[in-house]
Amino acid sequence: MNWLRIHRPATLIQVSLLLLLALLGFFLLLPPTIPLWYSLVRLEDQMAPKMFVFIFPILGLVFLLVDRLFFKPLRQYEAAARILALATEASIVFLLISLIRMIVLLT
């Protein structure tokens, strides 16, 4: 279980900071509306104000909070703790990739 104490918090904090820095660094460069709701059919319905881009760091924070909530009870089950750790890290990395991809496409 040493890998959980040493590597996990550092990785999650670093990726979360990257997510926030990427957003803050390019927020002013984004257009006033961004395409966020791709599942909607009409183009007008897909657009959202650029403030909605903060959904990505908020979701990352929610994933971290849920991870912290369930980690202590699952610590005794190493396999479940590893799955939770990997799922949380993968989710946050995917959020970072999605945000960076959106910024690159829109700027």
PDB file of N, CA and C in Angstrom:
ATOM      1  N   MET A   1       0.809  -1.207   0.000  1.00  0.00           N
ATOM      2  CA  MET A   1       0.000   0.000   0.000  1.00  0.00           C
ATOM      3  C   MET A   1       0.846   1.262   0.000  1.00  0.00           C
ATOM      4  N   ASN A   2       2.153   1.133   0.056  1.00  0.00           N
ATOM      5  CA  ASN A   2       3.005   2.325   0.053  1.00  0.00           C
ATOM      6  C   ASN A   2       2.846   3.135  -1.217  1.00  0.00           C
ATOM      7  N   TRP A   3       2.596   2.479  -2.341  1.00  0.00           N
ATOM      8  CA  TRP A   3       2.439   3.201  -3.602  1.00  0.00           C
ATOM      9  C   TRP A   3       1.266   4.167  -3.530  1.00  0.00           C
ATOM     10  N   LEU A   4       0.229   3.825  -2.753  1.00  0.00           N
ATOM     11  CA  LEU A   4      -0.931   4.702  -2.634  1.00  0.00           C
ATOM     12  C   LEU A   4      -0.606   5.956  -1.839  1.00  0.00           C
ATOM     13  N   ARG A   5       0.199   5.822  -0.805  1.00  0.00           N
ATOM     14  CA  ARG A   5       0.533   6.979   0.025  1.00  0.00           C
ATOM     15  C   ARG A   5       1.512   7.908  -0.671  1.00  0.00           C
ATOM     16  N   ILE A   6       2.430   7.357  -1.430  1.00  0.00           N
ATOM     17  CA  ILE A   6       3.493   8.167  -2.003  1.00  0.00           C
ATOM     18  C   ILE A   6       3.069   8.809  -3.329  1.00  0.00           C
ATOM     19  N   HIS A   7       2.566   8.037  -4.248  1.00  0.00           N
ATOM     20  CA  HIS A   7       2.367   8.510  -5.610  1.00  0.00           C
ATOM     21  C   HIS A   7       1.011   9.149  -5.883  1.00  0.00           C
ATOM     22  N   ARG A   8      -0.032   8.640  -5.301  1.00  0.00           N
ATOM     23  CA  ARG A   8      -1.380   9.105  -5.636  1.00  0.00           C
ATOM     24  C   ARG A   8      -1.633  10.575  -5.370  1.00  0.00           C
ATOM     25  N   PRO A   9      -1.425  11.058  -4.155  1.00  0.00           N
ATOM     26  CA  PRO A   9      -1.753  12.464  -3.918  1.00  0.00           C
ATOM     27  C   PRO A   9      -0.961  13.409  -4.812  1.00  0.00           C
ATOM     28  N   ALA A  10       0.314  13.108  -5.025  1.00  0.00           N
ATOM     29  CA  ALA A  10       1.134  13.976  -5.871  1.00  0.00           C
ATOM     30  C   ALA A  10       0.609  13.983  -7.304  1.00  0.00           C
ATOM     31  N   THR A  11       0.266  12.827  -7.822  1.00  0.00           N
ATOM     32  CA  THR A  11      -0.237  12.745  -9.194  1.00  0.00           C
ATOM     33  C   THR A  11      -1.557  13.493  -9.336  1.00  0.00           C
ATOM     34  N   LEU A  12      -2.479  13.283  -8.433  1.00  0.00           N
ATOM     35  CA  LEU A  12      -3.781  13.927  -8.527  1.00  0.00           C
ATOM     36  C   LEU A  12      -3.662  15.448  -8.390  1.00  0.00           C
ATOM     37  N   ILE A  13      -2.825  15.894  -7.493  1.00  0.00           N
ATOM     38  CA  ILE A  13      -2.654  17.336  -7.313  1.00  0.00           C
ATOM     39  C   ILE A  13      -1.991  17.944  -8.535  1.00  0.00           C
ATOM     40  N   GLN A  14      -0.990  17.292  -9.092  1.00  0.00           N
ATOM     41  CA  GLN A  14      -0.306  17.821 -10.271  1.00  0.00           C
ATOM     42  C   GLN A  14      -1.246  17.907 -11.469  1.00  0.00           C
ATOM     43  N   VAL A  15      -2.000  16.875 -11.703  1.00  0.00           N
ATOM     44  CA  VAL A  15      -2.913  16.881 -12.850  1.00  0.00           C
ATOM     45  C   VAL A  15      -4.027  17.904 -12.632  1.00  0.00           C
ATOM     46  N   SER A  16      -4.529  18.032 -11.419  1.00  0.00           N
ATOM     47  CA  SER A  16      -5.563  19.029 -11.133  1.00  0.00           C
ATOM     48  C   SER A  16      -5.028  20.441 -11.336  1.00  0.00           C
ATOM     49  N   LEU A  17      -3.794  20.681 -10.919  1.00  0.00           N
ATOM     50  CA  LEU A  17      -3.191  21.997 -11.144  1.00  0.00           C
ATOM     51  C   LEU A  17      -2.986  22.270 -12.630  1.00  0.00           C
ATOM     52  N   LEU A  18      -2.593  21.247 -13.389  1.00  0.00           N
ATOM     53  CA  LEU A  18      -2.476  21.419 -14.836  1.00  0.00           C
ATOM     54  C   LEU A  18      -3.817  21.781 -15.466  1.00  0.00           C
ATOM     55  N   LEU A  19      -4.862  21.143 -15.007  1.00  0.00           N
ATOM     56  CA  LEU A  19      -6.208  21.434 -15.503  1.00  0.00           C
ATOM     57  C   LEU A  19      -6.584  22.879 -15.237  1.00  0.00           C
ATOM     58  N   LEU A  20      -6.357  23.340 -14.035  1.00  0.00           N
ATOM     59  CA  LEU A  20      -6.686  24.711 -13.678  1.00  0.00           C
ATOM     60  C   LEU A  20      -5.801  25.712 -14.408  1.00  0.00           C
ATOM     61  N   LEU A  21      -4.508  25.451 -14.510  1.00  0.00           N
ATOM     62  CA  LEU A  21      -3.602  26.364 -15.217  1.00  0.00           C
ATOM     63  C   LEU A  21      -3.926  26.455 -16.705  1.00  0.00           C
ATOM     64  N   ALA A  22      -4.279  25.326 -17.301  1.00  0.00           N
ATOM     65  CA  ALA A  22      -4.649  25.344 -18.715  1.00  0.00           C
ATOM     66  C   ALA A  22      -5.887  26.200 -18.930  1.00  0.00           C
ATOM     67  N   LEU A  23      -6.821  26.098 -18.031  1.00  0.00           N
ATOM     68  CA  LEU A  23      -8.046  26.891 -18.154  1.00  0.00           C
ATOM     69  C   LEU A  23      -7.775  28.373 -17.934  1.00  0.00           C
ATOM     70  N   LEU A  24      -7.069  28.701 -16.875  1.00  0.00           N
ATOM     71  CA  LEU A  24      -6.807  30.106 -16.562  1.00  0.00           C
ATOM     72  C   LEU A  24      -5.910  30.765 -17.608  1.00  0.00           C
ATOM     73  N   GLY A  25      -4.984  30.014 -18.153  1.00  0.00           N
ATOM     74  CA  GLY A  25      -4.070  30.566 -19.135  1.00  0.00           C
ATOM     75  C   GLY A  25      -4.727  30.935 -20.455  1.00  0.00           C
ATOM     76  N   PHE A  26      -5.748  30.204 -20.838  1.00  0.00           N
ATOM     77  CA  PHE A  26      -6.364  30.424 -22.140  1.00  0.00           C
ATOM     78  C   PHE A  26      -7.796  30.931 -22.068  1.00  0.00           C
ATOM     79  N   PHE A  27      -8.290  31.230 -20.895  1.00  0.00           N
ATOM     80  CA  PHE A  27      -9.691  31.631 -20.753  1.00  0.00           C
ATOM     81  C   PHE A  27     -10.006  32.895 -21.548  1.00  0.00           C
ATOM     82  N   LEU A  28      -9.131  33.865 -21.518  1.00  0.00           N
ATOM     83  CA  LEU A  28      -9.387  35.120 -22.240  1.00  0.00           C
ATOM     84  C   LEU A  28      -9.329  34.951 -23.744  1.00  0.00           C
ATOM     85  N   LEU A  29      -8.652  33.915 -24.218  1.00  0.00           N
ATOM     86  CA  LEU A  29      -8.550  33.679 -25.657  1.00  0.00           C
ATOM     87  C   LEU A  29      -9.761  32.956 -26.238  1.00  0.00           C
ATOM     88  N   LEU A  30     -10.581  32.385 -25.385  1.00  0.00           N
ATOM     89  CA  LEU A  30     -11.750  31.648 -25.867  1.00  0.00           C
ATOM     90  C   LEU A  30     -12.803  32.598 -26.425  1.00  0.00           C
ATOM     91  N   PRO A  31     -13.549  32.161 -27.442  1.00  0.00           N
ATOM     92  CA  PRO A  31     -14.655  32.992 -27.938  1.00  0.00           C
ATOM     93  C   PRO A  31     -15.758  33.091 -26.886  1.00  0.00           C
ATOM     94  N   PRO A  32     -16.673  34.053 -27.047  1.00  0.00           N
ATOM     95  CA  PRO A  32     -17.726  34.238 -26.042  1.00  0.00           C
ATOM     96  C   PRO A  32     -18.620  33.008 -25.855  1.00  0.00           C
ATOM     97  N   THR A  33     -18.830  32.234 -26.899  1.00  0.00           N
ATOM     98  CA  THR A  33     -19.597  30.994 -26.780  1.00  0.00           C
ATOM     99  C   THR A  33     -18.734  29.841 -27.285  1.00  0.00           C
ATOM    100  N   ILE A  34     -18.895  28.698 -26.648  1.00  0.00           N
ATOM    101  CA  ILE A  34     -18.120  27.519 -27.023  1.00  0.00           C
ATOM    102  C   ILE A  34     -19.064  26.349 -27.269  1.00  0.00           C
ATOM    103  N   PRO A  35     -18.725  25.463 -28.214  1.00  0.00           N
ATOM    104  CA  PRO A  35     -19.556  24.276 -28.429  1.00  0.00           C
ATOM    105  C   PRO A  35     -19.281  23.252 -27.337  1.00  0.00           C
ATOM    106  N   LEU A  36     -20.252  23.036 -26.490  1.00  0.00           N
ATOM    107  CA  LEU A  36     -20.052  22.152 -25.346  1.00  0.00           C
ATOM    108  C   LEU A  36     -21.015  20.971 -25.344  1.00  0.00           C
ATOM    109  N   TRP A  37     -22.202  21.169 -25.834  1.00  0.00           N
ATOM    110  CA  TRP A  37     -23.243  20.134 -25.782  1.00  0.00           C
ATOM    111  C   TRP A  37     -23.356  19.466 -27.152  1.00  0.00           C
ATOM    112  N   TYR A  38     -22.399  18.600 -27.479  1.00  0.00           N
ATOM    113  CA  TYR A  38     -22.343  17.982 -28.804  1.00  0.00           C
ATOM    114  C   TYR A  38     -23.483  17.008 -29.066  1.00  0.00           C
ATOM    115  N   SER A  39     -24.154  16.551 -28.061  1.00  0.00           N
ATOM    116  CA  SER A  39     -25.232  15.583 -28.273  1.00  0.00           C
ATOM    117  C   SER A  39     -26.500  16.243 -28.800  1.00  0.00           C
ATOM    118  N   LEU A  40     -26.592  17.560 -28.703  1.00  0.00           N
ATOM    119  CA  LEU A  40     -27.763  18.261 -29.220  1.00  0.00           C
ATOM    120  C   LEU A  40     -27.639  18.440 -30.727  1.00  0.00           C
ATOM    121  N   VAL A  41     -28.768  18.421 -31.417  1.00  0.00           N
ATOM    122  CA  VAL A  41     -28.766  18.394 -32.871  1.00  0.00           C
ATOM    123  C   VAL A  41     -28.451  19.762 -33.478  1.00  0.00           C
ATOM    124  N   ARG A  42     -29.148  20.783 -33.043  1.00  0.00           N
ATOM    125  CA  ARG A  42     -28.974  22.104 -33.653  1.00  0.00           C
ATOM    126  C   ARG A  42     -27.720  22.781 -33.124  1.00  0.00           C
ATOM    127  N   LEU A  43     -27.026  23.483 -33.996  1.00  0.00           N
ATOM    128  CA  LEU A  43     -25.783  24.153 -33.627  1.00  0.00           C
ATOM    129  C   LEU A  43     -26.004  25.193 -32.533  1.00  0.00           C
ATOM    130  N   GLU A  44     -27.124  25.903 -32.600  1.00  0.00           N
ATOM    131  CA  GLU A  44     -27.397  26.929 -31.590  1.00  0.00           C
ATOM    132  C   GLU A  44     -27.540  26.314 -30.201  1.00  0.00           C
ATOM    133  N   ASP A  45     -28.083  25.100 -30.146  1.00  0.00           N
ATOM    134  CA  ASP A  45     -28.273  24.431 -28.860  1.00  0.00           C
ATOM    135  C   ASP A  45     -26.962  23.890 -28.296  1.00  0.00           C
ATOM    136  N   GLN A  46     -25.977  23.651 -29.155  1.00  0.00           N
ATOM    137  CA  GLN A  46     -24.698  23.123 -28.715  1.00  0.00           C
ATOM    138  C   GLN A  46     -23.835  24.185 -28.037  1.00  0.00           C
ATOM    139  N   MET A  47     -24.100  25.422 -28.308  1.00  0.00           N
ATOM    140  CA  MET A  47     -23.262  26.506 -27.803  1.00  0.00           C
ATOM    141  C   MET A  47     -23.604  26.843 -26.351  1.00  0.00           C
ATOM    142  N   ALA A  48     -22.573  27.189 -25.605  1.00  0.00           N
ATOM    143  CA  ALA A  48     -22.727  27.590 -24.210  1.00  0.00           C
ATOM    144  C   ALA A  48     -21.789  28.768 -23.954  1.00  0.00           C
ATOM    145  N   PRO A  49     -22.112  29.612 -22.987  1.00  0.00           N
ATOM    146  CA  PRO A  49     -21.185  30.697 -22.644  1.00  0.00           C
ATOM    147  C   PRO A  49     -19.834  30.127 -22.208  1.00  0.00           C
ATOM    148  N   LYS A  50     -18.779  30.887 -22.428  1.00  0.00           N
ATOM    149  CA  LYS A  50     -17.452  30.359 -22.127  1.00  0.00           C
ATOM    150  C   LYS A  50     -17.230  30.091 -20.637  1.00  0.00           C
ATOM    151  N   MET A  51     -18.068  30.635 -19.780  1.00  0.00           N
ATOM    152  CA  MET A  51     -17.960  30.345 -18.349  1.00  0.00           C
ATOM    153  C   MET A  51     -18.239  28.867 -18.058  1.00  0.00           C
ATOM    154  N   PHE A  52     -18.959  28.198 -18.963  1.00  0.00           N
ATOM    155  CA  PHE A  52     -19.270  26.784 -18.780  1.00  0.00           C
ATOM    156  C   PHE A  52     -18.033  25.906 -18.888  1.00  0.00           C
ATOM    157  N   VAL A  53     -16.933  26.455 -19.371  1.00  0.00           N
ATOM    158  CA  VAL A  53     -15.702  25.681 -19.471  1.00  0.00           C
ATOM    159  C   VAL A  53     -15.167  25.326 -18.072  1.00  0.00           C
ATOM    160  N   PHE A  54     -15.649  26.018 -17.054  1.00  0.00           N
ATOM    161  CA  PHE A  54     -15.254  25.699 -15.686  1.00  0.00           C
ATOM    162  C   PHE A  54     -15.881  24.392 -15.202  1.00  0.00           C
ATOM    163  N   ILE A  55     -16.712  23.771 -16.031  1.00  0.00           N
ATOM    164  CA  ILE A  55     -17.262  22.452 -15.701  1.00  0.00           C
ATOM    165  C   ILE A  55     -16.135  21.431 -15.558  1.00  0.00           C
ATOM    166  N   PHE A  56     -15.099  21.571 -16.374  1.00  0.00           N
ATOM    167  CA  PHE A  56     -13.997  20.607 -16.339  1.00  0.00           C
ATOM    168  C   PHE A  56     -13.271  20.595 -14.989  1.00  0.00           C
ATOM    169  N   PRO A  57     -12.817  21.733 -14.470  1.00  0.00           N
ATOM    170  CA  PRO A  57     -12.169  21.662 -13.154  1.00  0.00           C
ATOM    171  C   PRO A  57     -13.133  21.301 -12.025  1.00  0.00           C
ATOM    172  N   ILE A  58     -14.405  21.688 -12.168  1.00  0.00           N
ATOM    173  CA  ILE A  58     -15.381  21.326 -11.131  1.00  0.00           C
ATOM    174  C   ILE A  58     -15.583  19.809 -11.117  1.00  0.00           C
ATOM    175  N   LEU A  59     -15.676  19.199 -12.284  1.00  0.00           N
ATOM    176  CA  LEU A  59     -15.787  17.736 -12.346  1.00  0.00           C
ATOM    177  C   LEU A  59     -14.540  17.064 -11.781  1.00  0.00           C
ATOM    178  N   GLY A  60     -13.375  17.629 -12.070  1.00  0.00           N
ATOM    179  CA  GLY A  60     -12.143  17.089 -11.504  1.00  0.00           C
ATOM    180  C   GLY A  60     -12.161  17.139  -9.987  1.00  0.00           C
ATOM    181  N   LEU A  61     -12.655  18.238  -9.445  1.00  0.00           N
ATOM    182  CA  LEU A  61     -12.762  18.366  -7.993  1.00  0.00           C
ATOM    183  C   LEU A  61     -13.761  17.361  -7.429  1.00  0.00           C
ATOM    184  N   VAL A  62     -14.867  17.156  -8.119  1.00  0.00           N
ATOM    185  CA  VAL A  62     -15.865  16.168  -7.675  1.00  0.00           C
ATOM    186  C   VAL A  62     -15.244  14.763  -7.671  1.00  0.00           C
ATOM    187  N   PHE A  63     -14.491  14.438  -8.719  1.00  0.00           N
ATOM    188  CA  PHE A  63     -13.830  13.128  -8.756  1.00  0.00           C
ATOM    189  C   PHE A  63     -12.851  12.970  -7.593  1.00  0.00           C
ATOM    190  N   LEU A  64     -12.101  14.031  -7.290  1.00  0.00           N
ATOM    191  CA  LEU A  64     -11.171  13.971  -6.165  1.00  0.00           C
ATOM    192  C   LEU A  64     -11.898  13.796  -4.838  1.00  0.00           C
ATOM    193  N   LEU A  65     -13.008  14.513  -4.667  1.00  0.00           N
ATOM    194  CA  LEU A  65     -13.757  14.404  -3.423  1.00  0.00           C
ATOM    195  C   LEU A  65     -14.379  13.018  -3.249  1.00  0.00           C
ATOM    196  N   VAL A  66     -14.926  12.479  -4.315  1.00  0.00           N
ATOM    197  CA  VAL A  66     -15.495  11.126  -4.250  1.00  0.00           C
ATOM    198  C   VAL A  66     -14.392  10.108  -3.970  1.00  0.00           C
ATOM    199  N   ASP A  67     -13.246  10.314  -4.602  1.00  0.00           N
ATOM    200  CA  ASP A  67     -12.110   9.430  -4.358  1.00  0.00           C
ATOM    201  C   ASP A  67     -11.698   9.462  -2.889  1.00  0.00           C
ATOM    202  N   ARG A  68     -11.581  10.636  -2.331  1.00  0.00           N
ATOM    203  CA  ARG A  68     -11.194  10.773  -0.920  1.00  0.00           C
ATOM    204  C   ARG A  68     -12.253  10.172  -0.005  1.00  0.00           C
ATOM    205  N   LEU A  69     -13.519  10.304  -0.381  1.00  0.00           N
ATOM    206  CA  LEU A  69     -14.605   9.780   0.438  1.00  0.00           C
ATOM    207  C   LEU A  69     -14.574   8.256   0.511  1.00  0.00           C
ATOM    208  N   PHE A  70     -14.321   7.611  -0.631  1.00  0.00           N
ATOM    209  CA  PHE A  70     -14.357   6.150  -0.679  1.00  0.00           C
ATOM    210  C   PHE A  70     -13.008   5.494  -0.450  1.00  0.00           C
ATOM    211  N   PHE A  71     -11.928   6.274  -0.440  1.00  0.00           N
ATOM    212  CA  PHE A  71     -10.611   5.659  -0.341  1.00  0.00           C
ATOM    213  C   PHE A  71     -10.349   5.036   1.024  1.00  0.00           C
ATOM    214  N   LYS A  72     -10.684   5.727   2.088  1.00  0.00           N
ATOM    215  CA  LYS A  72     -10.397   5.189   3.433  1.00  0.00           C
ATOM    216  C   LYS A  72     -11.108   3.868   3.697  1.00  0.00           C
ATOM    217  N   PRO A  73     -12.416   3.744   3.384  1.00  0.00           N
ATOM    218  CA  PRO A  73     -13.056   2.434   3.614  1.00  0.00           C
ATOM    219  C   PRO A  73     -12.489   1.329   2.719  1.00  0.00           C
ATOM    220  N   LEU A  74     -12.001   1.684   1.516  1.00  0.00           N
ATOM    221  CA  LEU A  74     -11.496   0.675   0.593  1.00  0.00           C
ATOM    222  C   LEU A  74     -10.017   0.380   0.776  1.00  0.00           C
ATOM    223  N   ARG A  75      -9.351   1.080   1.670  1.00  0.00           N
ATOM    224  CA  ARG A  75      -7.909   0.911   1.830  1.00  0.00           C
ATOM    225  C   ARG A  75      -7.533  -0.510   2.241  1.00  0.00           C
ATOM    226  N   GLN A  76      -8.405  -1.162   2.970  1.00  0.00           N
ATOM    227  CA  GLN A  76      -8.096  -2.529   3.391  1.00  0.00           C
ATOM    228  C   GLN A  76      -8.205  -3.536   2.250  1.00  0.00           C
ATOM    229  N   TYR A  77      -8.939  -3.188   1.203  1.00  0.00           N
ATOM    230  CA  TYR A  77      -9.060  -4.047   0.019  1.00  0.00           C
ATOM    231  C   TYR A  77      -8.162  -3.467  -1.068  1.00  0.00           C
ATOM    232  N   GLU A  78      -6.972  -4.010  -1.207  1.00  0.00           N
ATOM    233  CA  GLU A  78      -5.973  -3.402  -2.088  1.00  0.00           C
ATOM    234  C   GLU A  78      -6.431  -3.346  -3.544  1.00  0.00           C
ATOM    235  N   ALA A  79      -7.083  -4.382  -4.035  1.00  0.00           N
ATOM    236  CA  ALA A  79      -7.521  -4.387  -5.435  1.00  0.00           C
ATOM    237  C   ALA A  79      -8.556  -3.288  -5.692  1.00  0.00           C
ATOM    238  N   ALA A  80      -9.509  -3.150  -4.778  1.00  0.00           N
ATOM    239  CA  ALA A  80     -10.531  -2.105  -4.939  1.00  0.00           C
ATOM    240  C   ALA A  80      -9.910  -0.719  -4.827  1.00  0.00           C
ATOM    241  N   ALA A  81      -8.947  -0.559  -3.935  1.00  0.00           N
ATOM    242  CA  ALA A  81      -8.283   0.736  -3.789  1.00  0.00           C
ATOM    243  C   ALA A  81      -7.498   1.083  -5.044  1.00  0.00           C
ATOM    244  N   ARG A  82      -6.858   0.091  -5.651  1.00  0.00           N
ATOM    245  CA  ARG A  82      -6.124   0.346  -6.902  1.00  0.00           C
ATOM    246  C   ARG A  82      -7.079   0.719  -8.041  1.00  0.00           C
ATOM    247  N   ILE A  83      -8.199   0.019  -8.121  1.00  0.00           N
ATOM    248  CA  ILE A  83      -9.174   0.330  -9.175  1.00  0.00           C
ATOM    249  C   ILE A  83      -9.706   1.740  -8.996  1.00  0.00           C
ATOM    250  N   LEU A  84     -10.033   2.111  -7.772  1.00  0.00           N
ATOM    251  CA  LEU A  84     -10.501   3.470  -7.496  1.00  0.00           C
ATOM    252  C   LEU A  84      -9.436   4.495  -7.849  1.00  0.00           C
ATOM    253  N   ALA A  85      -8.203   4.212  -7.481  1.00  0.00           N
ATOM    254  CA  ALA A  85      -7.103   5.130  -7.780  1.00  0.00           C
ATOM    255  C   ALA A  85      -6.931   5.305  -9.282  1.00  0.00           C
ATOM    256  N   LEU A  86      -6.916   4.220 -10.006  1.00  0.00           N
ATOM    257  CA  LEU A  86      -6.734   4.296 -11.457  1.00  0.00           C
ATOM    258  C   LEU A  86      -7.920   4.978 -12.138  1.00  0.00           C
ATOM    259  N   ALA A  87      -9.123   4.686 -11.684  1.00  0.00           N
ATOM    260  CA  ALA A  87     -10.310   5.312 -12.279  1.00  0.00           C
ATOM    261  C   ALA A  87     -10.314   6.822 -12.042  1.00  0.00           C
ATOM    262  N   THR A  88      -9.947   7.242 -10.852  1.00  0.00           N
ATOM    263  CA  THR A  88      -9.908   8.674 -10.550  1.00  0.00           C
ATOM    264  C   THR A  88      -8.836   9.364 -11.362  1.00  0.00           C
ATOM    265  N   GLU A  89      -7.650   8.784 -11.405  1.00  0.00           N
ATOM    266  CA  GLU A  89      -6.565   9.395 -12.164  1.00  0.00           C
ATOM    267  C   GLU A  89      -6.889   9.446 -13.646  1.00  0.00           C
ATOM    268  N   ALA A  90      -7.458   8.375 -14.177  1.00  0.00           N
ATOM    269  CA  ALA A  90      -7.815   8.361 -15.595  1.00  0.00           C
ATOM    270  C   ALA A  90      -8.891   9.397 -15.900  1.00  0.00           C
ATOM    271  N   SER A  91      -9.864   9.536 -15.028  1.00  0.00           N
ATOM    272  CA  SER A  91     -10.926  10.523 -15.239  1.00  0.00           C
ATOM    273  C   SER A  91     -10.372  11.941 -15.269  1.00  0.00           C
ATOM    274  N   ILE A  92      -9.484  12.244 -14.355  1.00  0.00           N
ATOM    275  CA  ILE A  92      -8.914  13.588 -14.305  1.00  0.00           C
ATOM    276  C   ILE A  92      -8.020  13.836 -15.508  1.00  0.00           C
ATOM    277  N   VAL A  93      -7.263  12.843 -15.930  1.00  0.00           N
ATOM    278  CA  VAL A  93      -6.428  13.002 -17.123  1.00  0.00           C
ATOM    279  C   VAL A  93      -7.296  13.193 -18.359  1.00  0.00           C
ATOM    280  N   PHE A  94      -8.397  12.455 -18.473  1.00  0.00           N
ATOM    281  CA  PHE A  94      -9.304  12.636 -19.611  1.00  0.00           C
ATOM    282  C   PHE A  94      -9.936  14.018 -19.598  1.00  0.00           C
ATOM    283  N   LEU A  95     -10.259  14.538 -18.435  1.00  0.00           N
ATOM    284  CA  LEU A  95     -10.773  15.909 -18.349  1.00  0.00           C
ATOM    285  C   LEU A  95      -9.724  16.906 -18.827  1.00  0.00           C
ATOM    286  N   LEU A  96      -8.480  16.698 -18.432  1.00  0.00           N
ATOM    287  CA  LEU A  96      -7.401  17.576 -18.870  1.00  0.00           C
ATOM    288  C   LEU A  96      -7.236  17.514 -20.383  1.00  0.00           C
ATOM    289  N   ILE A  97      -7.249  16.322 -20.944  1.00  0.00           N
ATOM    290  CA  ILE A  97      -7.112  16.167 -22.391  1.00  0.00           C
ATOM    291  C   ILE A  97      -8.281  16.823 -23.111  1.00  0.00           C
ATOM    292  N   SER A  98      -9.491  16.654 -22.610  1.00  0.00           N
ATOM    293  CA  SER A  98     -10.668  17.266 -23.231  1.00  0.00           C
ATOM    294  C   SER A  98     -10.579  18.786 -23.199  1.00  0.00           C
ATOM    295  N   LEU A  99     -10.165  19.327 -22.086  1.00  0.00           N
ATOM    296  CA  LEU A  99     -10.044  20.780 -21.966  1.00  0.00           C
ATOM    297  C   LEU A  99      -8.965  21.317 -22.902  1.00  0.00           C
ATOM    298  N   ILE A 100      -7.820  20.667 -22.923  1.00  0.00           N
ATOM    299  CA  ILE A 100      -6.752  21.132 -23.809  1.00  0.00           C
ATOM    300  C   ILE A 100      -7.173  21.002 -25.264  1.00  0.00           C
ATOM    301  N   ARG A 101      -7.849  19.933 -25.617  1.00  0.00           N
ATOM    302  CA  ARG A 101      -8.319  19.763 -26.996  1.00  0.00           C
ATOM    303  C   ARG A 101      -9.316  20.870 -27.368  1.00  0.00           C
ATOM    304  N   MET A 102     -10.210  21.194 -26.458  1.00  0.00           N
ATOM    305  CA  MET A 102     -11.176  22.255 -26.729  1.00  0.00           C
ATOM    306  C   MET A 102     -10.463  23.600 -26.896  1.00  0.00           C
ATOM    307  N   ILE A 103      -9.509  23.880 -26.049  1.00  0.00           N
ATOM    308  CA  ILE A 103      -8.779  25.146 -26.144  1.00  0.00           C
ATOM    309  C   ILE A 103      -8.011  25.217 -27.458  1.00  0.00           C
ATOM    310  N   VAL A 104      -7.366  24.149 -27.845  1.00  0.00           N
ATOM    311  CA  VAL A 104      -6.592  24.150 -29.096  1.00  0.00           C
ATOM    312  C   VAL A 104      -7.504  24.341 -30.294  1.00  0.00           C
ATOM    313  N   LEU A 105      -8.658  23.708 -30.294  1.00  0.00           N
ATOM    314  CA  LEU A 105      -9.572  23.826 -31.429  1.00  0.00           C
ATOM    315  C   LEU A 105     -10.230  25.206 -31.517  1.00  0.00           C
ATOM    316  N   LEU A 106     -10.429  25.855 -30.388  1.00  0.00           N
ATOM    317  CA  LEU A 106     -11.145  27.132 -30.378  1.00  0.00           C
ATOM    318  C   LEU A 106     -10.250  28.348 -30.463  1.00  0.00           C
ATOM    319  N   THR A 107      -8.958  28.203 -30.210  1.00  0.00           N
ATOM    320  CA  THR A 107      -8.080  29.380 -30.268  1.00  0.00           C
ATOM    321  C   THR A 107      -7.198  29.341 -31.483  1.00  0.00           C
TER     322      THR A 107
END
